[in-house]
N, C-alpha and C. Protein backbone atom coordinates (compact mmCIF):
# COMPACT_ATOMS: atom_id res chain seq x y z
N MET A 1 -21.24 -4.68 -7.98
CA MET A 1 -20.61 -3.59 -7.49
C MET A 1 -19.77 -2.72 -8.95
N LEU A 2 -20.22 -1.03 -8.57
CA LEU A 2 -20.21 0.11 -9.21
C LEU A 2 -18.14 0.05 -8.61
N ASN A 3 -16.93 -0.24 -9.23
CA ASN A 3 -15.91 0.48 -8.52
C ASN A 3 -14.91 1.14 -9.42
N ILE A 4 -15.01 2.22 -9.19
CA ILE A 4 -14.47 3.57 -9.77
C ILE A 4 -13.47 3.83 -9.63
N VAL A 5 -12.23 4.36 -9.80
CA VAL A 5 -11.01 4.76 -9.18
C VAL A 5 -11.14 6.10 -10.11
N ILE A 6 -10.94 7.27 -9.21
CA ILE A 6 -10.74 8.42 -9.72
C ILE A 6 -9.35 9.07 -10.19
N PHE A 7 -9.24 9.76 -10.92
CA PHE A 7 -7.13 9.29 -11.33
C PHE A 7 -7.41 10.97 -12.17
N GLY A 8 -6.58 11.57 -11.54
CA GLY A 8 -6.16 12.50 -12.66
C GLY A 8 -5.04 13.55 -11.30
N ALA A 9 -4.01 14.48 -12.34
CA ALA A 9 -2.90 15.31 -11.09
C ALA A 9 -3.65 16.04 -9.90
N PRO A 10 -2.98 16.67 -9.67
CA PRO A 10 -3.42 17.66 -8.77
C PRO A 10 -4.40 18.71 -9.11
N GLY A 11 -5.55 19.23 -8.89
CA GLY A 11 -6.45 20.37 -9.15
C GLY A 11 -6.68 19.83 -10.43
N SER A 12 -7.21 18.70 -10.79
CA SER A 12 -7.88 18.17 -12.26
C SER A 12 -9.31 17.97 -12.63
N GLY A 13 -9.96 18.10 -10.72
CA GLY A 13 -11.31 18.23 -10.48
C GLY A 13 -12.00 16.35 -10.03
N LYS A 14 -10.69 16.06 -9.32
CA LYS A 14 -11.17 14.69 -8.78
C LYS A 14 -12.19 15.12 -8.18
N GLY A 15 -12.21 15.84 -6.82
CA GLY A 15 -12.72 16.27 -5.75
C GLY A 15 -14.31 16.26 -6.30
N THR A 16 -14.43 17.67 -7.23
CA THR A 16 -15.18 17.55 -7.68
C THR A 16 -16.63 16.98 -8.67
N GLN A 17 -15.77 15.91 -9.42
CA GLN A 17 -16.34 14.90 -9.73
C GLN A 17 -16.87 14.27 -9.24
N SER A 18 -15.95 13.48 -8.36
CA SER A 18 -16.13 12.43 -6.93
C SER A 18 -17.55 12.40 -6.56
N GLU A 19 -18.11 13.97 -6.29
CA GLU A 19 -18.78 14.60 -5.16
C GLU A 19 -19.98 13.85 -6.45
N LYS A 20 -20.39 14.72 -7.29
CA LYS A 20 -20.81 14.13 -8.85
C LYS A 20 -21.20 12.30 -9.07
N ILE A 21 -19.90 12.15 -9.07
CA ILE A 21 -20.04 10.23 -9.45
C ILE A 21 -21.18 9.92 -8.22
N ILE A 22 -20.71 10.42 -6.57
CA ILE A 22 -21.56 9.95 -5.99
C ILE A 22 -22.89 10.17 -5.28
N SER A 23 -23.37 11.46 -5.43
CA SER A 23 -24.47 11.77 -6.22
C SER A 23 -25.49 10.94 -7.16
N LYS A 24 -24.92 11.30 -7.56
CA LYS A 24 -26.05 9.98 -8.78
C LYS A 24 -25.47 8.93 -8.52
N TYR A 25 -24.89 8.00 -8.40
CA TYR A 25 -24.70 6.74 -8.55
C TYR A 25 -24.70 5.52 -7.15
N GLY A 26 -24.60 7.18 -6.04
CA GLY A 26 -24.73 6.09 -4.42
C GLY A 26 -23.87 5.42 -4.24
N LEU A 27 -22.98 5.67 -4.66
CA LEU A 27 -21.42 4.99 -3.84
C LEU A 27 -20.71 5.54 -3.15
N HIS A 28 -19.87 5.11 -2.20
CA HIS A 28 -19.42 5.20 -1.03
C HIS A 28 -17.64 5.68 -1.70
N HIS A 29 -17.71 6.88 -0.87
CA HIS A 29 -16.64 7.49 -0.86
C HIS A 29 -15.75 7.01 -0.08
N ILE A 30 -14.16 6.22 -0.47
CA ILE A 30 -13.42 5.88 0.05
C ILE A 30 -11.89 6.81 -0.43
N SER A 31 -11.58 7.64 -0.04
CA SER A 31 -10.55 8.69 -0.13
C SER A 31 -9.27 7.86 1.32
N THR A 32 -8.36 7.66 1.29
CA THR A 32 -6.99 6.92 1.62
C THR A 32 -6.22 7.92 2.57
N GLY A 33 -6.86 8.76 2.21
CA GLY A 33 -6.59 10.49 3.15
C GLY A 33 -6.64 10.24 4.71
N ASP A 34 -8.55 10.10 4.30
CA ASP A 34 -10.12 10.38 5.40
C ASP A 34 -9.62 8.62 6.33
N VAL A 35 -8.84 7.84 5.62
CA VAL A 35 -8.69 6.40 6.01
C VAL A 35 -7.70 6.56 7.30
N LEU A 36 -7.04 6.87 6.66
CA LEU A 36 -5.35 7.11 7.73
C LEU A 36 -5.91 8.05 8.93
N ARG A 37 -6.26 8.73 8.22
CA ARG A 37 -6.99 9.62 9.66
C ARG A 37 -7.35 9.22 10.62
N SER A 38 -8.62 8.57 10.08
CA SER A 38 -9.55 8.14 10.79
C SER A 38 -9.77 6.49 11.73
N GLU A 39 -8.45 5.85 11.40
CA GLU A 39 -7.69 5.24 11.62
C GLU A 39 -6.74 5.01 13.02
N MET A 40 -5.91 6.34 13.09
CA MET A 40 -4.92 6.83 13.38
C MET A 40 -5.53 7.82 14.67
N LYS A 41 -6.78 7.77 14.07
CA LYS A 41 -7.52 9.54 15.51
C LYS A 41 -8.73 7.93 16.53
N ASN A 42 -8.45 7.55 16.01
CA ASN A 42 -9.40 6.46 16.78
C ASN A 42 -9.25 5.26 17.48
N GLY A 43 -7.19 5.18 17.54
CA GLY A 43 -6.43 4.54 17.32
C GLY A 43 -6.41 2.59 17.58
N THR A 44 -6.47 2.74 16.45
CA THR A 44 -6.97 0.79 15.95
C THR A 44 -5.39 0.66 16.02
N GLU A 45 -5.65 -0.60 15.43
CA GLU A 45 -4.13 -1.50 15.36
C GLU A 45 -3.19 -1.25 14.50
N LEU A 46 -4.63 -0.87 12.97
CA LEU A 46 -3.79 -0.61 12.02
C LEU A 46 -3.71 1.17 12.15
N GLY A 47 -4.04 1.50 13.16
CA GLY A 47 -3.87 3.47 12.85
C GLY A 47 -2.20 3.22 14.22
N LYS A 48 -2.12 2.44 15.13
CA LYS A 48 -1.21 2.91 15.63
C LYS A 48 0.33 2.66 14.85
N ILE A 49 -0.11 1.37 13.77
CA ILE A 49 0.99 1.18 12.86
C ILE A 49 1.38 1.96 11.95
N ALA A 50 -0.21 2.54 11.73
CA ALA A 50 0.63 3.47 10.38
C ALA A 50 1.16 4.63 11.37
N GLU A 51 1.32 5.29 12.44
CA GLU A 51 1.54 6.87 12.58
C GLU A 51 2.52 6.60 13.53
N GLU A 52 3.11 5.15 13.73
CA GLU A 52 4.99 4.74 13.75
C GLU A 52 5.66 5.13 11.89
N TYR A 53 4.87 4.67 11.01
CA TYR A 53 6.05 4.74 9.99
C TYR A 53 5.07 6.47 10.07
N ILE A 54 4.58 7.08 10.10
CA ILE A 54 4.21 8.37 9.95
C ILE A 54 5.33 9.16 10.58
N ALA A 55 5.34 9.21 11.95
CA ALA A 55 6.50 9.52 13.12
C ALA A 55 7.57 9.37 12.58
N LYS A 56 8.34 8.40 11.57
CA LYS A 56 9.44 8.52 12.05
C LYS A 56 9.41 8.65 10.09
N GLY A 57 8.49 9.94 9.60
CA GLY A 57 8.81 10.81 8.12
C GLY A 57 8.81 9.28 7.11
N GLN A 58 8.36 8.61 7.32
CA GLN A 58 8.10 7.27 6.61
C GLN A 58 6.53 7.50 5.54
N LEU A 59 6.66 6.58 4.27
CA LEU A 59 5.69 6.03 3.42
C LEU A 59 4.86 5.34 3.98
N VAL A 60 3.83 4.89 4.72
CA VAL A 60 2.45 4.37 4.98
C VAL A 60 3.05 3.05 4.01
N PRO A 61 2.98 1.53 4.15
CA PRO A 61 3.28 0.33 3.59
C PRO A 61 2.33 0.57 2.76
N ASP A 62 2.30 0.03 1.72
CA ASP A 62 1.11 -0.95 0.13
C ASP A 62 0.13 -1.39 0.99
N GLU A 63 0.56 -2.06 2.24
CA GLU A 63 -0.04 -3.67 2.17
C GLU A 63 -0.83 -2.98 3.81
N LEU A 64 -1.05 -2.19 4.39
CA LEU A 64 -1.29 -1.67 5.15
C LEU A 64 -2.52 -0.92 4.83
N ILE A 65 -1.66 0.41 3.96
CA ILE A 65 -3.36 1.20 2.97
C ILE A 65 -4.25 -0.05 2.84
N VAL A 66 -3.94 -0.90 1.89
CA VAL A 66 -4.74 -1.85 1.04
C VAL A 66 -5.79 -2.90 3.17
N ASP A 67 -4.92 -2.78 3.54
CA ASP A 67 -5.48 -3.66 5.05
C ASP A 67 -6.61 -2.73 5.57
N MET A 68 -6.61 -1.23 5.38
CA MET A 68 -7.39 -0.22 6.02
C MET A 68 -8.41 0.24 4.55
N LEU A 69 -8.47 -0.09 4.44
CA LEU A 69 -9.21 0.09 2.19
C LEU A 69 -10.39 -1.09 2.92
N ALA A 70 -9.47 -2.69 2.99
CA ALA A 70 -10.02 -3.81 3.12
C ALA A 70 -11.42 -3.68 3.95
N LYS A 71 -10.51 -2.69 4.81
CA LYS A 71 -12.07 -2.70 6.10
C LYS A 71 -12.86 -1.73 6.09
N VAL A 72 -12.64 -0.83 5.49
CA VAL A 72 -13.53 0.46 5.16
C VAL A 72 -15.06 -0.55 4.03
N LEU A 73 -14.45 -1.64 3.15
CA LEU A 73 -14.81 -1.38 2.32
C LEU A 73 -15.77 -2.84 2.97
N ASP A 74 -15.45 -3.35 3.91
CA ASP A 74 -15.88 -4.82 4.14
C ASP A 74 -17.25 -4.30 5.09
N ALA A 75 -16.77 -2.76 5.86
CA ALA A 75 -18.07 -2.74 6.92
C ALA A 75 -19.03 -1.62 6.60
N LYS A 76 -18.09 -1.14 4.46
CA LYS A 76 -19.79 -0.55 4.23
C LYS A 76 -21.14 -0.02 4.64
N LYS A 77 -22.13 0.62 4.09
CA LYS A 77 -23.11 0.75 4.09
C LYS A 77 -24.36 -0.28 3.63
N GLU A 78 -25.23 -0.97 3.98
CA GLU A 78 -26.50 -1.61 3.14
C GLU A 78 -27.12 -0.27 2.13
N GLY A 79 -26.66 -1.36 1.06
CA GLY A 79 -27.50 -0.06 -0.03
C GLY A 79 -26.64 0.56 -0.66
N VAL A 80 -25.39 0.59 -0.59
CA VAL A 80 -24.50 1.39 -1.02
C VAL A 80 -23.84 0.73 -2.50
N LYS A 81 -23.78 0.56 -3.72
CA LYS A 81 -24.47 0.13 -5.28
C LYS A 81 -22.27 -0.13 -5.45
N GLY A 82 -21.86 0.12 -4.60
CA GLY A 82 -20.21 -0.10 -5.21
C GLY A 82 -19.43 1.99 -4.38
N VAL A 83 -18.49 1.57 -5.18
CA VAL A 83 -17.55 2.65 -4.19
C VAL A 83 -16.55 3.79 -5.40
N ILE A 84 -16.39 4.77 -4.67
CA ILE A 84 -15.10 5.47 -5.14
C ILE A 84 -13.83 5.57 -4.90
N PHE A 85 -12.21 5.01 -5.32
CA PHE A 85 -11.34 5.20 -5.04
C PHE A 85 -10.13 6.93 -4.94
N ASP A 86 -10.92 7.55 -4.47
CA ASP A 86 -9.95 8.81 -4.37
C ASP A 86 -8.39 8.46 -3.20
N GLY A 87 -7.62 8.97 -4.41
CA GLY A 87 -6.06 9.28 -3.89
C GLY A 87 -5.41 7.62 -4.13
N PHE A 88 -5.80 6.46 -4.35
CA PHE A 88 -5.22 5.41 -4.63
C PHE A 88 -6.23 4.58 -5.51
N PRO A 89 -5.35 3.84 -6.48
CA PRO A 89 -3.62 3.78 -6.10
C PRO A 89 -2.79 4.64 -6.96
N ARG A 90 -1.59 4.39 -6.00
CA ARG A 90 -0.78 6.14 -7.12
C ARG A 90 0.36 5.25 -7.64
N THR A 91 0.35 3.16 -7.69
CA THR A 91 1.42 3.07 -8.38
C THR A 91 1.12 1.70 -8.75
N ILE A 92 1.86 0.99 -9.40
CA ILE A 92 1.61 -0.09 -9.68
C ILE A 92 1.04 -1.41 -9.35
N PRO A 93 2.19 -0.91 -7.67
CA PRO A 93 2.08 -2.54 -6.80
C PRO A 93 0.88 -1.79 -6.36
N GLN A 94 0.49 -0.30 -6.06
CA GLN A 94 -1.05 -0.49 -5.28
C GLN A 94 -2.03 -0.92 -5.95
N ALA A 95 -2.05 -0.95 -7.48
CA ALA A 95 -3.28 -0.92 -8.34
C ALA A 95 -2.95 -2.65 -8.48
N GLU A 96 -2.16 -3.48 -8.11
CA GLU A 96 -2.03 -4.69 -8.57
C GLU A 96 -2.58 -4.99 -6.77
N ALA A 97 -2.16 -4.44 -5.90
CA ALA A 97 -3.12 -5.13 -4.98
C ALA A 97 -4.36 -4.81 -4.33
N LEU A 98 -4.85 -3.74 -4.84
CA LEU A 98 -6.52 -3.20 -4.95
C LEU A 98 -7.13 -4.45 -5.87
N LYS A 99 -6.84 -4.79 -6.70
CA LYS A 99 -6.88 -5.83 -7.55
C LYS A 99 -7.47 -7.15 -7.05
N LYS A 100 -5.90 -7.29 -6.13
CA LYS A 100 -6.62 -8.67 -5.49
C LYS A 100 -7.14 -8.48 -4.12
N MET A 101 -6.84 -7.64 -3.73
CA MET A 101 -7.80 -7.53 -2.75
C MET A 101 -9.67 -7.00 -2.84
N LEU A 102 -10.43 -6.79 -4.50
CA LEU A 102 -11.01 -6.70 -4.62
C LEU A 102 -11.40 -8.06 -4.68
N ALA A 103 -10.46 -8.93 -5.66
CA ALA A 103 -11.09 -9.91 -6.25
C ALA A 103 -11.09 -10.94 -5.31
N GLU A 104 -11.06 -10.67 -4.69
CA GLU A 104 -10.90 -11.67 -2.97
C GLU A 104 -12.80 -11.39 -1.98
N ARG A 105 -13.29 -10.03 -2.84
CA ARG A 105 -14.39 -10.07 -2.33
C ARG A 105 -15.58 -10.21 -3.46
N GLY A 106 -14.95 -11.09 -5.06
CA GLY A 106 -15.42 -11.12 -5.48
C GLY A 106 -16.24 -10.18 -6.63
N THR A 107 -15.43 -8.85 -6.38
CA THR A 107 -15.72 -8.05 -7.32
C THR A 107 -14.37 -7.87 -8.30
N GLU A 108 -14.13 -5.95 -8.63
CA GLU A 108 -12.81 -5.66 -9.50
C GLU A 108 -13.17 -3.80 -9.85
N VAL A 109 -12.12 -3.32 -10.05
CA VAL A 109 -12.46 -1.78 -9.95
C VAL A 109 -12.90 -2.28 -12.06
N SER A 110 -14.17 -1.54 -12.06
CA SER A 110 -15.63 -1.33 -12.72
C SER A 110 -14.84 -0.05 -13.97
N ALA A 111 -14.08 0.81 -13.58
CA ALA A 111 -13.41 2.05 -14.57
C ALA A 111 -12.73 2.67 -13.47
N VAL A 112 -11.35 3.20 -14.55
CA VAL A 112 -10.47 4.47 -14.09
C VAL A 112 -10.88 5.69 -14.80
N ILE A 113 -12.02 6.97 -13.69
CA ILE A 113 -12.06 7.80 -14.75
C ILE A 113 -10.83 8.41 -14.96
N GLY A 114 -10.07 8.95 -15.75
CA GLY A 114 -9.02 10.19 -15.96
C GLY A 114 -8.94 11.23 -16.91
N LEU A 115 -9.51 12.19 -15.35
CA LEU A 115 -9.47 13.26 -15.59
C LEU A 115 -7.58 13.72 -16.62
N GLU A 116 -8.37 14.27 -18.02
CA GLU A 116 -6.57 14.98 -18.55
C GLU A 116 -7.10 16.37 -18.40
N VAL A 117 -6.56 17.02 -17.65
CA VAL A 117 -6.37 18.70 -17.78
C VAL A 117 -4.32 18.69 -18.43
N GLU A 118 -4.56 19.69 -18.98
CA GLU A 118 -3.49 20.68 -19.55
C GLU A 118 -2.60 21.21 -18.59
N GLU A 119 -1.56 20.62 -18.69
CA GLU A 119 -0.42 21.38 -16.80
C GLU A 119 -0.82 22.45 -17.17
N ALA A 120 -1.09 24.16 -18.51
CA ALA A 120 -1.00 25.43 -17.75
C ALA A 120 -2.21 25.20 -16.40
N GLU A 121 -3.51 24.61 -17.05
CA GLU A 121 -4.98 24.66 -16.74
C GLU A 121 -4.62 24.61 -15.35
N LEU A 122 -4.16 22.91 -14.95
CA LEU A 122 -3.73 22.48 -13.71
C LEU A 122 -3.53 24.19 -12.59
N ILE A 123 -1.97 23.94 -13.34
CA ILE A 123 -1.45 25.54 -12.32
C ILE A 123 -2.77 26.46 -12.19
N ASP A 124 -2.78 27.14 -13.43
CA ASP A 124 -3.54 28.04 -12.94
C ASP A 124 -5.48 27.46 -12.07
N ARG A 125 -5.53 26.45 -11.99
CA ARG A 125 -6.70 26.21 -11.10
C ARG A 125 -5.33 26.37 -9.66
N LEU A 126 -4.77 25.50 -9.21
CA LEU A 126 -4.32 26.01 -8.14
C LEU A 126 -3.32 26.99 -7.56
N LEU A 127 -2.98 28.24 -7.99
CA LEU A 127 -3.05 29.14 -7.73
C LEU A 127 -3.98 29.77 -7.47
N LYS A 128 -5.37 29.80 -7.90
CA LYS A 128 -6.89 30.11 -7.75
C LYS A 128 -7.44 29.77 -6.52
N ARG A 129 -7.66 28.42 -6.41
CA ARG A 129 -7.53 27.06 -4.98
C ARG A 129 -6.58 28.16 -3.83
N GLY A 130 -5.80 28.20 -4.28
CA GLY A 130 -4.87 28.98 -3.03
C GLY A 130 -5.23 30.31 -2.84
N GLN A 131 -5.52 31.29 -3.96
CA GLN A 131 -6.07 32.24 -3.54
C GLN A 131 -7.37 32.25 -2.36
N ILE A 132 -7.76 31.24 -2.91
CA ILE A 132 -9.29 31.44 -2.32
C ILE A 132 -9.15 30.83 -0.96
N SER A 133 -8.67 29.34 -0.39
CA SER A 133 -8.64 28.50 0.01
C SER A 133 -8.02 29.41 1.49
N GLY A 134 -6.23 29.59 1.00
CA GLY A 134 -5.47 29.99 1.58
C GLY A 134 -4.33 28.02 2.28
N ARG A 135 -4.43 27.58 1.50
CA ARG A 135 -3.56 26.10 1.16
C ARG A 135 -2.65 26.56 1.22
N SER A 136 -1.69 26.54 1.84
CA SER A 136 0.17 26.83 1.58
C SER A 136 0.19 26.47 0.97
N ASP A 137 -0.13 25.14 0.59
CA ASP A 137 1.01 23.92 -0.73
C ASP A 137 0.17 23.96 -1.75
N ASP A 138 -0.95 24.91 -2.25
CA ASP A 138 -0.93 25.75 -3.49
C ASP A 138 -0.11 26.97 -3.52
N ASN A 139 1.39 27.21 -3.90
CA ASN A 139 2.13 27.88 -4.69
C ASN A 139 2.89 27.43 -5.68
N LEU A 140 3.17 28.08 -6.30
CA LEU A 140 3.77 27.91 -7.58
C LEU A 140 4.96 26.72 -7.96
N GLU A 141 5.97 26.86 -6.58
CA GLU A 141 6.88 25.92 -6.54
C GLU A 141 6.30 24.47 -6.15
N THR A 142 5.32 24.78 -5.09
CA THR A 142 5.30 23.58 -4.31
C THR A 142 4.19 22.68 -5.89
N ILE A 143 3.41 23.84 -5.85
CA ILE A 143 2.61 22.88 -7.65
C ILE A 143 3.48 22.16 -8.26
N LYS A 144 4.81 22.46 -8.97
CA LYS A 144 4.96 22.52 -9.77
C LYS A 144 5.81 21.08 -9.84
N SER A 145 6.18 20.80 -8.23
CA SER A 145 6.78 19.94 -7.26
C SER A 145 5.93 18.67 -7.33
N ARG A 146 4.72 19.23 -7.10
CA ARG A 146 3.53 17.97 -6.95
C ARG A 146 3.53 17.64 -8.33
N LEU A 147 3.28 18.71 -9.70
CA LEU A 147 3.29 18.18 -10.68
C LEU A 147 4.57 16.98 -11.33
N ASP A 148 5.12 17.48 -10.66
CA ASP A 148 6.36 16.62 -11.69
C ASP A 148 6.35 14.99 -10.71
N VAL A 149 5.96 15.41 -9.72
CA VAL A 149 6.04 13.65 -8.58
C VAL A 149 4.91 12.35 -9.70
N TYR A 150 3.95 13.66 -9.31
CA TYR A 150 2.55 12.79 -10.35
C TYR A 150 2.74 12.13 -11.75
N HIS A 151 3.39 13.19 -12.75
CA HIS A 151 3.21 12.63 -13.56
C HIS A 151 4.43 11.19 -13.78
N LYS A 152 5.68 11.27 -12.52
CA LYS A 152 6.81 10.69 -12.47
C LYS A 152 5.75 9.03 -12.45
N GLN A 153 5.30 9.21 -11.11
CA GLN A 153 4.79 8.54 -10.09
C GLN A 153 3.23 7.16 -11.25
N THR A 154 2.74 8.41 -12.23
CA THR A 154 1.65 7.91 -12.26
C THR A 154 0.81 7.58 -13.80
N THR A 155 2.11 7.89 -14.34
CA THR A 155 2.12 7.28 -16.10
C THR A 155 2.55 6.08 -15.73
N PRO A 156 2.77 5.26 -15.76
CA PRO A 156 3.13 3.73 -15.25
C PRO A 156 2.31 3.42 -14.99
N LEU A 157 1.13 4.07 -14.25
CA LEU A 157 0.08 3.98 -13.32
C LEU A 157 -1.26 3.25 -15.13
N LYS A 158 -1.20 4.90 -15.16
CA LYS A 158 -2.05 4.89 -16.29
C LYS A 158 -2.14 3.56 -17.59
N ASP A 159 -1.18 3.71 -18.33
CA ASP A 159 -0.77 2.66 -18.89
C ASP A 159 -0.95 1.13 -18.21
N PHE A 160 -0.86 0.91 -17.11
CA PHE A 160 -1.71 -0.52 -16.35
C PHE A 160 -2.86 -0.70 -16.61
N TYR A 161 -3.01 0.38 -16.32
CA TYR A 161 -5.06 0.58 -16.59
C TYR A 161 -5.12 0.68 -17.62
N ILE A 162 -4.47 1.15 -19.50
CA ILE A 162 -5.09 1.00 -20.33
C ILE A 162 -4.85 -0.41 -20.86
N LYS A 163 -3.93 -1.22 -20.41
CA LYS A 163 -3.71 -2.85 -20.53
C LYS A 163 -4.30 -3.52 -20.28
N GLU A 164 -5.40 -2.85 -19.07
CA GLU A 164 -6.92 -3.71 -17.79
C GLU A 164 -7.91 -3.58 -18.91
N LYS A 165 -7.63 -2.23 -19.92
CA LYS A 165 -9.25 -2.41 -20.41
C LYS A 165 -10.11 -0.96 -19.32
N LYS A 166 -9.21 -1.18 -18.57
CA LYS A 166 -9.94 -0.02 -17.40
C LYS A 166 -9.99 1.39 -17.60
N TYR A 167 -9.14 1.61 -17.75
CA TYR A 167 -8.79 3.69 -18.06
C TYR A 167 -9.78 4.30 -19.14
N LYS A 168 -10.57 5.17 -18.73
CA LYS A 168 -11.61 6.32 -19.68
C LYS A 168 -10.97 7.69 -19.29
N PRO A 169 -10.20 7.44 -20.50
CA PRO A 169 -9.65 8.85 -21.09
C PRO A 169 -10.51 10.25 -20.68
N ILE A 170 -11.32 10.90 -20.11
CA ILE A 170 -12.13 11.97 -19.90
C ILE A 170 -11.14 13.49 -19.89
N HIS A 171 -11.51 14.30 -20.86
CA HIS A 171 -11.04 15.64 -21.48
C HIS A 171 -11.69 16.63 -19.62
N GLY A 172 -10.78 17.10 -19.13
CA GLY A 172 -11.26 17.41 -18.16
C GLY A 172 -11.02 19.24 -17.96
N MET A 173 -11.44 19.70 -19.38
CA MET A 173 -10.60 20.77 -19.44
C MET A 173 -12.75 21.41 -20.07
N GLY A 174 -12.94 22.60 -19.59
CA GLY A 174 -14.56 23.55 -19.63
C GLY A 174 -15.29 22.90 -18.23
N SER A 175 -16.47 23.25 -18.66
CA SER A 175 -17.78 23.36 -17.43
C SER A 175 -17.53 22.22 -16.45
N VAL A 176 -17.60 22.47 -15.05
CA VAL A 176 -17.82 21.14 -14.16
C VAL A 176 -19.64 20.52 -15.08
N ASP A 177 -20.07 20.90 -14.86
CA ASP A 177 -21.18 20.14 -15.88
C ASP A 177 -20.93 19.65 -17.03
N SER A 178 -20.66 20.01 -18.57
CA SER A 178 -19.92 19.01 -18.83
C SER A 178 -18.91 18.31 -19.27
N ILE A 179 -17.55 18.73 -18.07
CA ILE A 179 -16.85 17.18 -17.74
C ILE A 179 -17.83 16.23 -17.36
N PHE A 180 -18.57 16.03 -15.93
CA PHE A 180 -19.25 15.44 -15.70
C PHE A 180 -20.47 14.60 -17.02
N GLU A 181 -21.05 15.06 -17.77
CA GLU A 181 -21.92 14.52 -18.97
C GLU A 181 -20.68 13.31 -19.59
N ALA A 182 -19.45 13.72 -19.20
CA ALA A 182 -17.80 12.89 -20.12
C ALA A 182 -18.37 11.59 -19.38
N VAL A 183 -17.70 12.04 -18.12
CA VAL A 183 -18.24 11.16 -16.84
C VAL A 183 -18.81 10.35 -16.97
N THR A 184 -19.79 10.81 -17.46
CA THR A 184 -21.03 9.51 -16.67
C THR A 184 -21.35 9.06 -18.26
N GLU A 185 -21.27 9.28 -19.27
CA GLU A 185 -20.74 8.12 -20.34
C GLU A 185 -20.24 7.31 -20.32
N ALA A 186 -19.09 7.64 -19.75
CA ALA A 186 -17.78 6.52 -19.77
C ALA A 186 -18.58 5.70 -19.02
N ILE A 187 -19.21 5.98 -17.48
CA ILE A 187 -19.63 5.24 -16.63
C ILE A 187 -20.33 4.68 -16.96
N GLU A 188 -21.45 5.33 -18.01
CA GLU A 188 -23.42 4.67 -18.46
C GLU A 188 -22.64 3.23 -19.93
N ASN A 189 -21.48 3.89 -20.42
CA ASN A 189 -21.06 2.50 -21.01
C ASN A 189 -20.12 0.79 -21.17
N LEU A 190 -20.24 1.02 -19.58
CA LEU A 190 -19.34 0.23 -18.99
C LEU A 190 -20.25 -1.41 -18.85
């Protein structure tokens, strides 16, 4: 199985590159946000527990997120060649939990595709996205706050995957297609 973690700051192009990877390699897209919303909407046991945390303004515990991801992974369609994890892991404990959960299923993270984009470009992209989409969180103050949180939380995660020899840095500047060529090259050389 080809299991890819897409990694990068807000505005780095994770969603765009994920779509292209899914299309080329026949992977199943697993977005933690989508999984969480689906579980809550469907009123599953895991969804009800998650909703209790969210209602109190608390983060959903890692174990609960991993249980939800495991459920999705176990239910994936026949013929799917692997998965792309979008928005997970975000911390070292989550990365360790993902590693354990995949090992229990006889597989592992194949690669972490790290889209590396300069800060000024990230801000510019997110401001433009906000103008086009009307997303209220794409304003300068919120963007700077999100990037600050990203850098504090994810730098250790990048180092974790470098030590695991899974991290594939991709220069995330340039055209969508040229970035995807670099992504494809990294995947093909696994």
